[in-house]
Every structure is written in C-alpha cells, then in structure tokens.
Amino acid sequence: MENTADHVIVIGRGQLIADCTIAEFIARS
C-alpha cells in the first residue's frame, strides 16, 4: 500500500479512523 496508494481510508470496528494521503497518515503517528 505504501508503494501503490496515493490516498488511504482507514477503518476500525466499522468506524472511520483516517481519510487522507499516505504522507498525512504516517505523519499522524
């Protein structure tokens, strides 16, 4: 995914966790 995707939608237990670019998601950690 890191090599392929430009954008990610991340969910957990059916709820939205993130909807952003790969770089923005990594920067949140």
mmCIF file of all heavy atoms, coordinates in Angstrom:
data_MODEL
# 
_entry.id   MODEL 
# 
loop_
_atom_site.group_PDB 
_atom_site.id 
_atom_site.type_symbol 
_atom_site.label_atom_id 
_atom_site.label_alt_id 
_atom_site.label_comp_id 
_atom_site.label_asym_id 
_atom_site.label_entity_id 
_atom_site.label_seq_id 
_atom_site.pdbx_PDB_ins_code 
_atom_site.Cartn_x 
_atom_site.Cartn_y 
_atom_site.Cartn_z 
_atom_site.occupancy 
_atom_site.B_iso_or_equiv 
_atom_site.pdbx_formal_charge 
_atom_site.auth_seq_id 
_atom_site.auth_comp_id 
_atom_site.auth_asym_id 
_atom_site.auth_atom_id 
_atom_site.pdbx_PDB_model_num 
ATOM 1   N N   . MET A 1 1  ? 0.825   -1.202 0.000  1.00 0.00 ? 1  MET A N   1 
ATOM 2   C CA  . MET A 1 1  ? 0.000   0.000  0.000  1.00 0.00 ? 1  MET A CA  1 
ATOM 3   C C   . MET A 1 1  ? 0.862   1.257  0.000  1.00 0.00 ? 1  MET A C   1 
ATOM 4   O O   . MET A 1 1  ? 0.541   2.251  -0.657 1.00 0.00 ? 1  MET A O   1 
ATOM 5   C CB  . MET A 1 1  ? -0.922  0.007  1.222  1.00 0.00 ? 1  MET A CB  1 
ATOM 6   C CG  . MET A 1 1  ? -2.126  -0.899 1.100  1.00 0.00 ? 1  MET A CG  1 
ATOM 7   S SD  . MET A 1 1  ? -3.295  -0.387 -0.200 1.00 0.00 ? 1  MET A SD  1 
ATOM 8   C CE  . MET A 1 1  ? -2.690  -1.317 -1.602 1.00 0.00 ? 1  MET A CE  1 
ATOM 9   N N   . GLU A 1 2  ? 1.972   1.205  0.731  1.00 0.00 ? 2  GLU A N   1 
ATOM 10  C CA  . GLU A 1 2  ? 2.859   2.365  0.782  1.00 0.00 ? 2  GLU A CA  1 
ATOM 11  C C   . GLU A 1 2  ? 3.467   2.641  -0.590 1.00 0.00 ? 2  GLU A C   1 
ATOM 12  O O   . GLU A 1 2  ? 3.722   3.790  -0.947 1.00 0.00 ? 2  GLU A O   1 
ATOM 13  C CB  . GLU A 1 2  ? 3.960   2.143  1.822  1.00 0.00 ? 2  GLU A CB  1 
ATOM 14  C CG  . GLU A 1 2  ? 4.762   3.384  2.138  1.00 0.00 ? 2  GLU A CG  1 
ATOM 15  C CD  . GLU A 1 2  ? 5.551   3.266  3.433  1.00 0.00 ? 2  GLU A CD  1 
ATOM 16  O OE1 . GLU A 1 2  ? 5.630   2.149  3.998  1.00 0.00 ? 2  GLU A OE1 1 
ATOM 17  O OE2 . GLU A 1 2  ? 6.089   4.287  3.877  1.00 0.00 ? 2  GLU A OE2 1 
ATOM 18  N N   . ASN A 1 3  ? 3.688   1.573  -1.370 1.00 0.00 ? 3  ASN A N   1 
ATOM 19  C CA  . ASN A 1 3  ? 4.272   1.726  -2.701 1.00 0.00 ? 3  ASN A CA  1 
ATOM 20  C C   . ASN A 1 3  ? 3.238   1.987  -3.788 1.00 0.00 ? 3  ASN A C   1 
ATOM 21  O O   . ASN A 1 3  ? 3.600   2.372  -4.903 1.00 0.00 ? 3  ASN A O   1 
ATOM 22  C CB  . ASN A 1 3  ? 5.061   0.458  -3.082 1.00 0.00 ? 3  ASN A CB  1 
ATOM 23  C CG  . ASN A 1 3  ? 6.352   0.326  -2.308 1.00 0.00 ? 3  ASN A CG  1 
ATOM 24  O OD1 . ASN A 1 3  ? 7.004   1.313  -2.020 1.00 0.00 ? 3  ASN A OD1 1 
ATOM 25  N ND2 . ASN A 1 3  ? 6.708   -0.899 -1.968 1.00 0.00 ? 3  ASN A ND2 1 
ATOM 26  N N   . THR A 1 4  ? 1.961   1.755  -3.483 1.00 0.00 ? 4  THR A N   1 
ATOM 27  C CA  . THR A 1 4  ? 0.936   1.804  -4.524 1.00 0.00 ? 4  THR A CA  1 
ATOM 28  C C   . THR A 1 4  ? -0.057  2.943  -4.347 1.00 0.00 ? 4  THR A C   1 
ATOM 29  O O   . THR A 1 4  ? -0.380  3.652  -5.300 1.00 0.00 ? 4  THR A O   1 
ATOM 30  C CB  . THR A 1 4  ? 0.156   0.474  -4.565 1.00 0.00 ? 4  THR A CB  1 
ATOM 31  O OG1 . THR A 1 4  ? 1.069   -0.616 -4.717 1.00 0.00 ? 4  THR A OG1 1 
ATOM 32  C CG2 . THR A 1 4  ? -0.834  0.457  -5.716 1.00 0.00 ? 4  THR A CG2 1 
ATOM 33  N N   . ALA A 1 5  ? -0.570  3.100  -3.140 1.00 0.00 ? 5  ALA A N   1 
ATOM 34  C CA  . ALA A 1 5  ? -1.686  4.030  -2.911 1.00 0.00 ? 5  ALA A CA  1 
ATOM 35  C C   . ALA A 1 5  ? -1.215  5.477  -2.785 1.00 0.00 ? 5  ALA A C   1 
ATOM 36  O O   . ALA A 1 5  ? -0.123  5.756  -2.288 1.00 0.00 ? 5  ALA A O   1 
ATOM 37  C CB  . ALA A 1 5  ? -2.456  3.615  -1.665 1.00 0.00 ? 5  ALA A CB  1 
ATOM 38  N N   . ASP A 1 6  ? -2.069  6.382  -3.250 1.00 0.00 ? 6  ASP A N   1 
ATOM 39  C CA  . ASP A 1 6  ? -1.847  7.814  -3.059 1.00 0.00 ? 6  ASP A CA  1 
ATOM 40  C C   . ASP A 1 6  ? -2.612  8.304  -1.838 1.00 0.00 ? 6  ASP A C   1 
ATOM 41  O O   . ASP A 1 6  ? -2.170  9.231  -1.145 1.00 0.00 ? 6  ASP A O   1 
ATOM 42  C CB  . ASP A 1 6  ? -2.340  8.594  -4.288 1.00 0.00 ? 6  ASP A CB  1 
ATOM 43  C CG  . ASP A 1 6  ? -1.764  8.049  -5.585 1.00 0.00 ? 6  ASP A CG  1 
ATOM 44  O OD1 . ASP A 1 6  ? -0.565  8.235  -5.809 1.00 0.00 ? 6  ASP A OD1 1 
ATOM 45  O OD2 . ASP A 1 6  ? -2.523  7.428  -6.363 1.00 0.00 ? 6  ASP A OD2 1 
ATOM 46  N N   . HIS A 1 7  ? -3.754  7.679  -1.590 1.00 0.00 ? 7  HIS A N   1 
ATOM 47  C CA  . HIS A 1 7  ? -4.679  8.116  -0.546 1.00 0.00 ? 7  HIS A CA  1 
ATOM 48  C C   . HIS A 1 7  ? -5.106  6.874  0.231  1.00 0.00 ? 7  HIS A C   1 
ATOM 49  O O   . HIS A 1 7  ? -5.117  5.773  -0.324 1.00 0.00 ? 7  HIS A O   1 
ATOM 50  C CB  . HIS A 1 7  ? -5.901  8.777  -1.198 1.00 0.00 ? 7  HIS A CB  1 
ATOM 51  C CG  . HIS A 1 7  ? -6.729  9.606  -0.273 1.00 0.00 ? 7  HIS A CG  1 
ATOM 52  N ND1 . HIS A 1 7  ? -6.556  10.957 -0.117 1.00 0.00 ? 7  HIS A ND1 1 
ATOM 53  C CD2 . HIS A 1 7  ? -7.751  9.261  0.564  1.00 0.00 ? 7  HIS A CD2 1 
ATOM 54  C CE1 . HIS A 1 7  ? -7.428  11.429 0.750  1.00 0.00 ? 7  HIS A CE1 1 
ATOM 55  N NE2 . HIS A 1 7  ? -8.171  10.408 1.183  1.00 0.00 ? 7  HIS A NE2 1 
ATOM 56  N N   . VAL A 1 8  ? -5.449  7.029  1.493  1.00 0.00 ? 8  VAL A N   1 
ATOM 57  C CA  . VAL A 1 8  ? -5.917  5.883  2.279  1.00 0.00 ? 8  VAL A CA  1 
ATOM 58  C C   . VAL A 1 8  ? -7.193  6.225  3.036  1.00 0.00 ? 8  VAL A C   1 
ATOM 59  O O   . VAL A 1 8  ? -7.364  7.354  3.502  1.00 0.00 ? 8  VAL A O   1 
ATOM 60  C CB  . VAL A 1 8  ? -4.863  5.365  3.288  1.00 0.00 ? 8  VAL A CB  1 
ATOM 61  C CG1 . VAL A 1 8  ? -3.739  4.661  2.585  1.00 0.00 ? 8  VAL A CG1 1 
ATOM 62  C CG2 . VAL A 1 8  ? -4.346  6.478  4.181  1.00 0.00 ? 8  VAL A CG2 1 
ATOM 63  N N   . ILE A 1 9  ? -8.069  5.246  3.107  1.00 0.00 ? 9  ILE A N   1 
ATOM 64  C CA  . ILE A 1 9  ? -9.216  5.279  4.015  1.00 0.00 ? 9  ILE A CA  1 
ATOM 65  C C   . ILE A 1 9  ? -8.986  4.149  5.009  1.00 0.00 ? 9  ILE A C   1 
ATOM 66  O O   . ILE A 1 9  ? -8.815  2.996  4.614  1.00 0.00 ? 9  ILE A O   1 
ATOM 67  C CB  . ILE A 1 9  ? -10.535 5.092  3.259  1.00 0.00 ? 9  ILE A CB  1 
ATOM 68  C CG1 . ILE A 1 9  ? -10.796 6.305  2.364  1.00 0.00 ? 9  ILE A CG1 1 
ATOM 69  C CG2 . ILE A 1 9  ? -11.692 4.873  4.227  1.00 0.00 ? 9  ILE A CG2 1 
ATOM 70  C CD1 . ILE A 1 9  ? -11.978 6.128  1.435  1.00 0.00 ? 9  ILE A CD1 1 
ATOM 71  N N   . VAL A 1 10 ? -8.925  4.487  6.285  1.00 0.00 ? 10 VAL A N   1 
ATOM 72  C CA  . VAL A 1 10 ? -8.619  3.510  7.329  1.00 0.00 ? 10 VAL A CA  1 
ATOM 73  C C   . VAL A 1 10 ? -9.819  3.407  8.260  1.00 0.00 ? 10 VAL A C   1 
ATOM 74  O O   . VAL A 1 10 ? -10.332 4.430  8.739  1.00 0.00 ? 10 VAL A O   1 
ATOM 75  C CB  . VAL A 1 10 ? -7.363  3.919  8.133  1.00 0.00 ? 10 VAL A CB  1 
ATOM 76  C CG1 . VAL A 1 10 ? -6.983  2.817  9.130  1.00 0.00 ? 10 VAL A CG1 1 
ATOM 77  C CG2 . VAL A 1 10 ? -6.197  4.214  7.198  1.00 0.00 ? 10 VAL A CG2 1 
ATOM 78  N N   . ILE A 1 11 ? -10.277 2.180  8.512  1.00 0.00 ? 11 ILE A N   1 
ATOM 79  C CA  . ILE A 1 11 ? -11.393 1.972  9.418  1.00 0.00 ? 11 ILE A CA  1 
ATOM 80  C C   . ILE A 1 11 ? -11.017 0.963  10.492 1.00 0.00 ? 11 ILE A C   1 
ATOM 81  O O   . ILE A 1 11 ? -10.102 0.154  10.323 1.00 0.00 ? 11 ILE A O   1 
ATOM 82  C CB  . ILE A 1 11 ? -12.675 1.513  8.679  1.00 0.00 ? 11 ILE A CB  1 
ATOM 83  C CG1 . ILE A 1 11 ? -12.481 0.126  8.046  1.00 0.00 ? 11 ILE A CG1 1 
ATOM 84  C CG2 . ILE A 1 11 ? -13.079 2.528  7.621  1.00 0.00 ? 11 ILE A CG2 1 
ATOM 85  C CD1 . ILE A 1 11 ? -13.773 -0.434 7.440  1.00 0.00 ? 11 ILE A CD1 1 
ATOM 86  N N   . GLY A 1 12 ? -11.730 1.025  11.585 1.00 0.00 ? 12 GLY A N   1 
ATOM 87  C CA  . GLY A 1 12 ? -11.555 0.072  12.674 1.00 0.00 ? 12 GLY A CA  1 
ATOM 88  C C   . GLY A 1 12 ? -12.879 -0.111 13.383 1.00 0.00 ? 12 GLY A C   1 
ATOM 89  O O   . GLY A 1 12 ? -13.564 0.880  13.694 1.00 0.00 ? 12 GLY A O   1 
ATOM 90  N N   . ARG A 1 13 ? -13.287 -1.355 13.590 1.00 0.00 ? 13 ARG A N   1 
ATOM 91  C CA  . ARG A 1 13 ? -14.589 -1.672 14.196 1.00 0.00 ? 13 ARG A CA  1 
ATOM 92  C C   . ARG A 1 13 ? -15.723 -0.931 13.470 1.00 0.00 ? 13 ARG A C   1 
ATOM 93  O O   . ARG A 1 13 ? -16.676 -0.454 14.090 1.00 0.00 ? 13 ARG A O   1 
ATOM 94  C CB  . ARG A 1 13 ? -14.593 -1.342 15.685 1.00 0.00 ? 13 ARG A CB  1 
ATOM 95  C CG  . ARG A 1 13 ? -13.588 -2.155 16.492 1.00 0.00 ? 13 ARG A CG  1 
ATOM 96  C CD  . ARG A 1 13 ? -13.720 -1.925 17.982 1.00 0.00 ? 13 ARG A CD  1 
ATOM 97  N NE  . ARG A 1 13 ? -12.677 -2.613 18.718 1.00 0.00 ? 13 ARG A NE  1 
ATOM 98  C CZ  . ARG A 1 13 ? -12.739 -3.872 19.119 1.00 0.00 ? 13 ARG A CZ  1 
ATOM 99  N NH1 . ARG A 1 13 ? -13.814 -4.595 18.849 1.00 0.00 ? 13 ARG A NH1 1 
ATOM 100 N NH2 . ARG A 1 13 ? -11.747 -4.423 19.795 1.00 0.00 ? 13 ARG A NH2 1 
ATOM 101 N N   . GLY A 1 14 ? -15.579 -0.854 12.144 1.00 0.00 ? 14 GLY A N   1 
ATOM 102 C CA  . GLY A 1 14 ? -16.624 -0.268 11.328 1.00 0.00 ? 14 GLY A CA  1 
ATOM 103 C C   . GLY A 1 14 ? -16.649 1.239  11.281 1.00 0.00 ? 14 GLY A C   1 
ATOM 104 O O   . GLY A 1 14 ? -17.474 1.828  10.573 1.00 0.00 ? 14 GLY A O   1 
ATOM 105 N N   . GLN A 1 15 ? -15.766 1.903  12.008 1.00 0.00 ? 15 GLN A N   1 
ATOM 106 C CA  . GLN A 1 15 ? -15.759 3.362  12.066 1.00 0.00 ? 15 GLN A CA  1 
ATOM 107 C C   . GLN A 1 15 ? -14.539 3.936  11.364 1.00 0.00 ? 15 GLN A C   1 
ATOM 108 O O   . GLN A 1 15 ? -13.477 3.311  11.305 1.00 0.00 ? 15 GLN A O   1 
ATOM 109 C CB  . GLN A 1 15 ? -15.780 3.834  13.526 1.00 0.00 ? 15 GLN A CB  1 
ATOM 110 C CG  . GLN A 1 15 ? -17.032 3.409  14.283 1.00 0.00 ? 15 GLN A CG  1 
ATOM 111 C CD  . GLN A 1 15 ? -17.026 3.893  15.722 1.00 0.00 ? 15 GLN A CD  1 
ATOM 112 O OE1 . GLN A 1 15 ? -15.970 4.050  16.332 1.00 0.00 ? 15 GLN A OE1 1 
ATOM 113 N NE2 . GLN A 1 15 ? -18.207 4.131  16.259 1.00 0.00 ? 15 GLN A NE2 1 
ATOM 114 N N   . LEU A 1 16 ? -14.692 5.159  10.861 1.00 0.00 ? 16 LEU A N   1 
ATOM 115 C CA  . LEU A 1 16 ? -13.611 5.820  10.143 1.00 0.00 ? 16 LEU A CA  1 
ATOM 116 C C   . LEU A 1 16 ? -12.522 6.279  11.108 1.00 0.00 ? 16 LEU A C   1 
ATOM 117 O O   . LEU A 1 16 ? -12.794 6.944  12.102 1.00 0.00 ? 16 LEU A O   1 
ATOM 118 C CB  . LEU A 1 16 ? -14.162 7.024  9.378  1.00 0.00 ? 16 LEU A CB  1 
ATOM 119 C CG  . LEU A 1 16 ? -13.187 7.724  8.430  1.00 0.00 ? 16 LEU A CG  1 
ATOM 120 C CD1 . LEU A 1 16 ? -12.873 6.814  7.240  1.00 0.00 ? 16 LEU A CD1 1 
ATOM 121 C CD2 . LEU A 1 16 ? -13.779 9.041  7.943  1.00 0.00 ? 16 LEU A CD2 1 
ATOM 122 N N   . ILE A 1 17 ? -11.274 5.908  10.805 1.00 0.00 ? 17 ILE A N   1 
ATOM 123 C CA  . ILE A 1 17 ? -10.119 6.353  11.583 1.00 0.00 ? 17 ILE A CA  1 
ATOM 124 C C   . ILE A 1 17 ? -9.359  7.441  10.835 1.00 0.00 ? 17 ILE A C   1 
ATOM 125 O O   . ILE A 1 17 ? -8.911  8.424  11.431 1.00 0.00 ? 17 ILE A O   1 
ATOM 126 C CB  . ILE A 1 17 ? -9.182  5.164  11.881 1.00 0.00 ? 17 ILE A CB  1 
ATOM 127 C CG1 . ILE A 1 17 ? -9.877  4.170  12.821 1.00 0.00 ? 17 ILE A CG1 1 
ATOM 128 C CG2 . ILE A 1 17 ? -7.864  5.639  12.488 1.00 0.00 ? 17 ILE A CG2 1 
ATOM 129 C CD1 . ILE A 1 17 ? -9.067  2.915  13.085 1.00 0.00 ? 17 ILE A CD1 1 
ATOM 130 N N   . ALA A 1 18 ? -9.225  7.288  9.521  1.00 0.00 ? 18 ALA A N   1 
ATOM 131 C CA  . ALA A 1 18 ? -8.477  8.280  8.739  1.00 0.00 ? 18 ALA A CA  1 
ATOM 132 C C   . ALA A 1 18 ? -8.962  8.280  7.298  1.00 0.00 ? 18 ALA A C   1 
ATOM 133 O O   . ALA A 1 18 ? -9.371  7.250  6.763  1.00 0.00 ? 18 ALA A O   1 
ATOM 134 C CB  . ALA A 1 18 ? -6.984  7.983  8.790  1.00 0.00 ? 18 ALA A CB  1 
ATOM 135 N N   . ASP A 1 19 ? -8.910  9.449  6.681  1.00 0.00 ? 19 ASP A N   1 
ATOM 136 C CA  . ASP A 1 19 ? -9.236  9.631  5.268  1.00 0.00 ? 19 ASP A CA  1 
ATOM 137 C C   . ASP A 1 19 ? -8.305  10.736 4.775  1.00 0.00 ? 19 ASP A C   1 
ATOM 138 O O   . ASP A 1 19 ? -8.613  11.920 4.876  1.00 0.00 ? 19 ASP A O   1 
ATOM 139 C CB  . ASP A 1 19 ? -10.707 10.035 5.120  1.00 0.00 ? 19 ASP A CB  1 
ATOM 140 C CG  . ASP A 1 19 ? -11.142 10.181 3.659  1.00 0.00 ? 19 ASP A CG  1 
ATOM 141 O OD1 . ASP A 1 19 ? -10.276 10.086 2.771  1.00 0.00 ? 19 ASP A OD1 1 
ATOM 142 O OD2 . ASP A 1 19 ? -12.346 10.414 3.418  1.00 0.00 ? 19 ASP A OD2 1 
ATOM 143 N N   . CYS A 1 20 ? -7.123  10.334 4.274  1.00 0.00 ? 20 CYS A N   1 
ATOM 144 C CA  . CYS A 1 20 ? -6.079  11.315 3.982  1.00 0.00 ? 20 CYS A CA  1 
ATOM 145 C C   . CYS A 1 20 ? -5.035  10.697 3.059  1.00 0.00 ? 20 CYS A C   1 
ATOM 146 O O   . CYS A 1 20 ? -5.138  9.522  2.697  1.00 0.00 ? 20 CYS A O   1 
ATOM 147 C CB  . CYS A 1 20 ? -5.422  11.779 5.283  1.00 0.00 ? 20 CYS A CB  1 
ATOM 148 S SG  . CYS A 1 20 ? -4.707  10.435 6.263  1.00 0.00 ? 20 CYS A SG  1 
ATOM 149 N N   . THR A 1 21 ? -4.023  11.475 2.714  1.00 0.00 ? 21 THR A N   1 
ATOM 150 C CA  . THR A 1 21 ? -2.929  10.940 1.912  1.00 0.00 ? 21 THR A CA  1 
ATOM 151 C C   . THR A 1 21 ? -2.073  10.013 2.767  1.00 0.00 ? 21 THR A C   1 
ATOM 152 O O   . THR A 1 21 ? -2.134  10.053 4.007  1.00 0.00 ? 21 THR A O   1 
ATOM 153 C CB  . THR A 1 21 ? -2.055  12.063 1.351  1.00 0.00 ? 21 THR A CB  1 
ATOM 154 O OG1 . THR A 1 21 ? -1.383  12.716 2.440  1.00 0.00 ? 21 THR A OG1 1 
ATOM 155 C CG2 . THR A 1 21 ? -2.883  13.073 0.568  1.00 0.00 ? 21 THR A CG2 1 
ATOM 156 N N   . ILE A 1 22 ? -1.268  9.193  2.095  1.00 0.00 ? 22 ILE A N   1 
ATOM 157 C CA  . ILE A 1 22 ? -0.342  8.306  2.808  1.00 0.00 ? 22 ILE A CA  1 
ATOM 158 C C   . ILE A 1 22 ? 0.582   9.120  3.717  1.00 0.00 ? 22 ILE A C   1 
ATOM 159 O O   . ILE A 1 22 ? 0.793   8.780  4.878  1.00 0.00 ? 22 ILE A O   1 
ATOM 160 C CB  . ILE A 1 22 ? 0.507   7.497  1.801  1.00 0.00 ? 22 ILE A CB  1 
ATOM 161 C CG1 . ILE A 1 22 ? -0.345  6.446  1.085  1.00 0.00 ? 22 ILE A CG1 1 
ATOM 162 C CG2 . ILE A 1 22 ? 1.697   6.840  2.489  1.00 0.00 ? 22 ILE A CG2 1 
ATOM 163 C CD1 . ILE A 1 22 ? -0.536  5.151  1.808  1.00 0.00 ? 22 ILE A CD1 1 
ATOM 164 N N   . ALA A 1 23 ? 1.135   10.210 3.185  1.00 0.00 ? 23 ALA A N   1 
ATOM 165 C CA  . ALA A 1 23 ? 2.074   11.026 3.957  1.00 0.00 ? 23 ALA A CA  1 
ATOM 166 C C   . ALA A 1 23 ? 1.413   11.608 5.193  1.00 0.00 ? 23 ALA A C   1 
ATOM 167 O O   . ALA A 1 23 ? 2.008   11.634 6.279  1.00 0.00 ? 23 ALA A O   1 
ATOM 168 C CB  . ALA A 1 23 ? 2.643   12.136 3.079  1.00 0.00 ? 23 ALA A CB  1 
ATOM 169 N N   . GLU A 1 24 ? 0.171   12.070 5.050  1.00 0.00 ? 24 GLU A N   1 
ATOM 170 C CA  . GLU A 1 24 ? -0.538  12.646 6.194  1.00 0.00 ? 24 GLU A CA  1 
ATOM 171 C C   . GLU A 1 24 ? -0.825  11.580 7.241  1.00 0.00 ? 24 GLU A C   1 
ATOM 172 O O   . GLU A 1 24 ? -0.733  11.841 8.448  1.00 0.00 ? 24 GLU A O   1 
ATOM 173 C CB  . GLU A 1 24 ? -1.840  13.286 5.720  1.00 0.00 ? 24 GLU A CB  1 
ATOM 174 C CG  . GLU A 1 24 ? -1.645  14.563 4.929  1.00 0.00 ? 24 GLU A CG  1 
ATOM 175 C CD  . GLU A 1 24 ? -2.926  15.033 4.256  1.00 0.00 ? 24 GLU A CD  1 
ATOM 176 O OE1 . GLU A 1 24 ? -3.849  14.203 4.058  1.00 0.00 ? 24 GLU A OE1 1 
ATOM 177 O OE2 . GLU A 1 24 ? -3.000  16.223 3.911  1.00 0.00 ? 24 GLU A OE2 1 
ATOM 178 N N   . PHE A 1 25 ? -1.166  10.377 6.798  1.00 0.00 ? 25 PHE A N   1 
ATOM 179 C CA  . PHE A 1 25 ? -1.454  9.312  7.753  1.00 0.00 ? 25 PHE A CA  1 
ATOM 180 C C   . PHE A 1 25 ? -0.209  8.937  8.552  1.00 0.00 ? 25 PHE A C   1 
ATOM 181 O O   . PHE A 1 25 ? -0.263  8.775  9.775  1.00 0.00 ? 25 PHE A O   1 
ATOM 182 C CB  . PHE A 1 25 ? -1.998  8.085  7.012  1.00 0.00 ? 25 PHE A CB  1 
ATOM 183 C CG  . PHE A 1 25 ? -2.375  6.946  7.924  1.00 0.00 ? 25 PHE A CG  1 
ATOM 184 C CD1 . PHE A 1 25 ? -3.464  7.050  8.760  1.00 0.00 ? 25 PHE A CD1 1 
ATOM 185 C CD2 . PHE A 1 25 ? -1.633  5.774  7.934  1.00 0.00 ? 25 PHE A CD2 1 
ATOM 186 C CE1 . PHE A 1 25 ? -3.811  6.008  9.603  1.00 0.00 ? 25 PHE A CE1 1 
ATOM 187 C CE2 . PHE A 1 25 ? -1.982  4.725  8.763  1.00 0.00 ? 25 PHE A CE2 1 
ATOM 188 C CZ  . PHE A 1 25 ? -3.073  4.842  9.601  1.00 0.00 ? 25 PHE A CZ  1 
ATOM 189 N N   . ILE A 1 26 ? 0.912   8.807  7.858  1.00 0.00 ? 26 ILE A N   1 
ATOM 190 C CA  . ILE A 1 26 ? 2.159   8.470  8.543  1.00 0.00 ? 26 ILE A CA  1 
ATOM 191 C C   . ILE A 1 26 ? 2.546   9.567  9.525  1.00 0.00 ? 26 ILE A C   1 
ATOM 192 O O   . ILE A 1 26 ? 3.009   9.299  10.638 1.00 0.00 ? 26 ILE A O   1 
ATOM 193 C CB  . ILE A 1 26 ? 3.282   8.221  7.518  1.00 0.00 ? 26 ILE A CB  1 
ATOM 194 C CG1 . ILE A 1 26 ? 3.002   6.928  6.735  1.00 0.00 ? 26 ILE A CG1 1 
ATOM 195 C CG2 . ILE A 1 26 ? 4.641   8.132  8.192  1.00 0.00 ? 26 ILE A CG2 1 
ATOM 196 C CD1 . ILE A 1 26 ? 3.956   6.669  5.586  1.00 0.00 ? 26 ILE A CD1 1 
ATOM 197 N N   . ALA A 1 27 ? 2.330   10.824 9.125  1.00 0.00 ? 27 ALA A N   1 
ATOM 198 C CA  . ALA A 1 27 ? 2.706   11.948 9.990  1.00 0.00 ? 27 ALA A CA  1 
ATOM 199 C C   . ALA A 1 27 ? 1.885   11.988 11.271 1.00 0.00 ? 27 ALA A C   1 
ATOM 200 O O   . ALA A 1 27 ? 2.314   12.588 12.271 1.00 0.00 ? 27 ALA A O   1 
ATOM 201 C CB  . ALA A 1 27 ? 2.539   13.258 9.224  1.00 0.00 ? 27 ALA A CB  1 
ATOM 202 N N   . ARG A 1 28 ? 0.702   11.360 11.281 1.00 0.00 ? 28 ARG A N   1 
ATOM 203 C CA  . ARG A 1 28 ? -0.130  11.354 12.485 1.00 0.00 ? 28 ARG A CA  1 
ATOM 204 C C   . ARG A 1 28 ? 0.450   10.477 13.596 1.00 0.00 ? 28 ARG A C   1 
ATOM 205 O O   . ARG A 1 28 ? 0.103   10.629 14.759 1.00 0.00 ? 28 ARG A O   1 
ATOM 206 C CB  . ARG A 1 28 ? -1.541  10.856 12.164 1.00 0.00 ? 28 ARG A CB  1 
ATOM 207 C CG  . ARG A 1 28 ? -2.357  11.806 11.312 1.00 0.00 ? 28 ARG A CG  1 
ATOM 208 C CD  . ARG A 1 28 ? -3.776  11.293 11.174 1.00 0.00 ? 28 ARG A CD  1 
ATOM 209 N NE  . ARG A 1 28 ? -4.546  12.089 10.239 1.00 0.00 ? 28 ARG A NE  1 
ATOM 210 C CZ  . ARG A 1 28 ? -5.845  11.907 10.023 1.00 0.00 ? 28 ARG A CZ  1 
ATOM 211 N NH1 . ARG A 1 28 ? -6.497  10.955 10.668 1.00 0.00 ? 28 ARG A NH1 1 
ATOM 212 N NH2 . ARG A 1 28 ? -6.485  12.658 9.155  1.00 0.00 ? 28 ARG A NH2 1 
ATOM 213 N N   . SER A 1 29 ? 1.279   9.534  13.224 1.00 0.00 ? 29 SER A N   1 
ATOM 214 C CA  . SER A 1 29 ? 1.829   8.629  14.230 1.00 0.00 ? 29 SER A CA  1 
ATOM 215 C C   . SER A 1 29 ? 2.952   9.316  14.978 1.00 0.00 ? 29 SER A C   1 
ATOM 216 O O   . SER A 1 29 ? 3.509   10.321 14.536 1.00 0.00 ? 29 SER A O   1 
ATOM 217 C CB  . SER A 1 29 ? 2.357   7.346  13.588 1.00 0.00 ? 29 SER A CB  1 
ATOM 218 O OG  . SER A 1 29 ? 3.621   7.576  12.991 1.00 0.00 ? 29 SER A OG  1 
# 
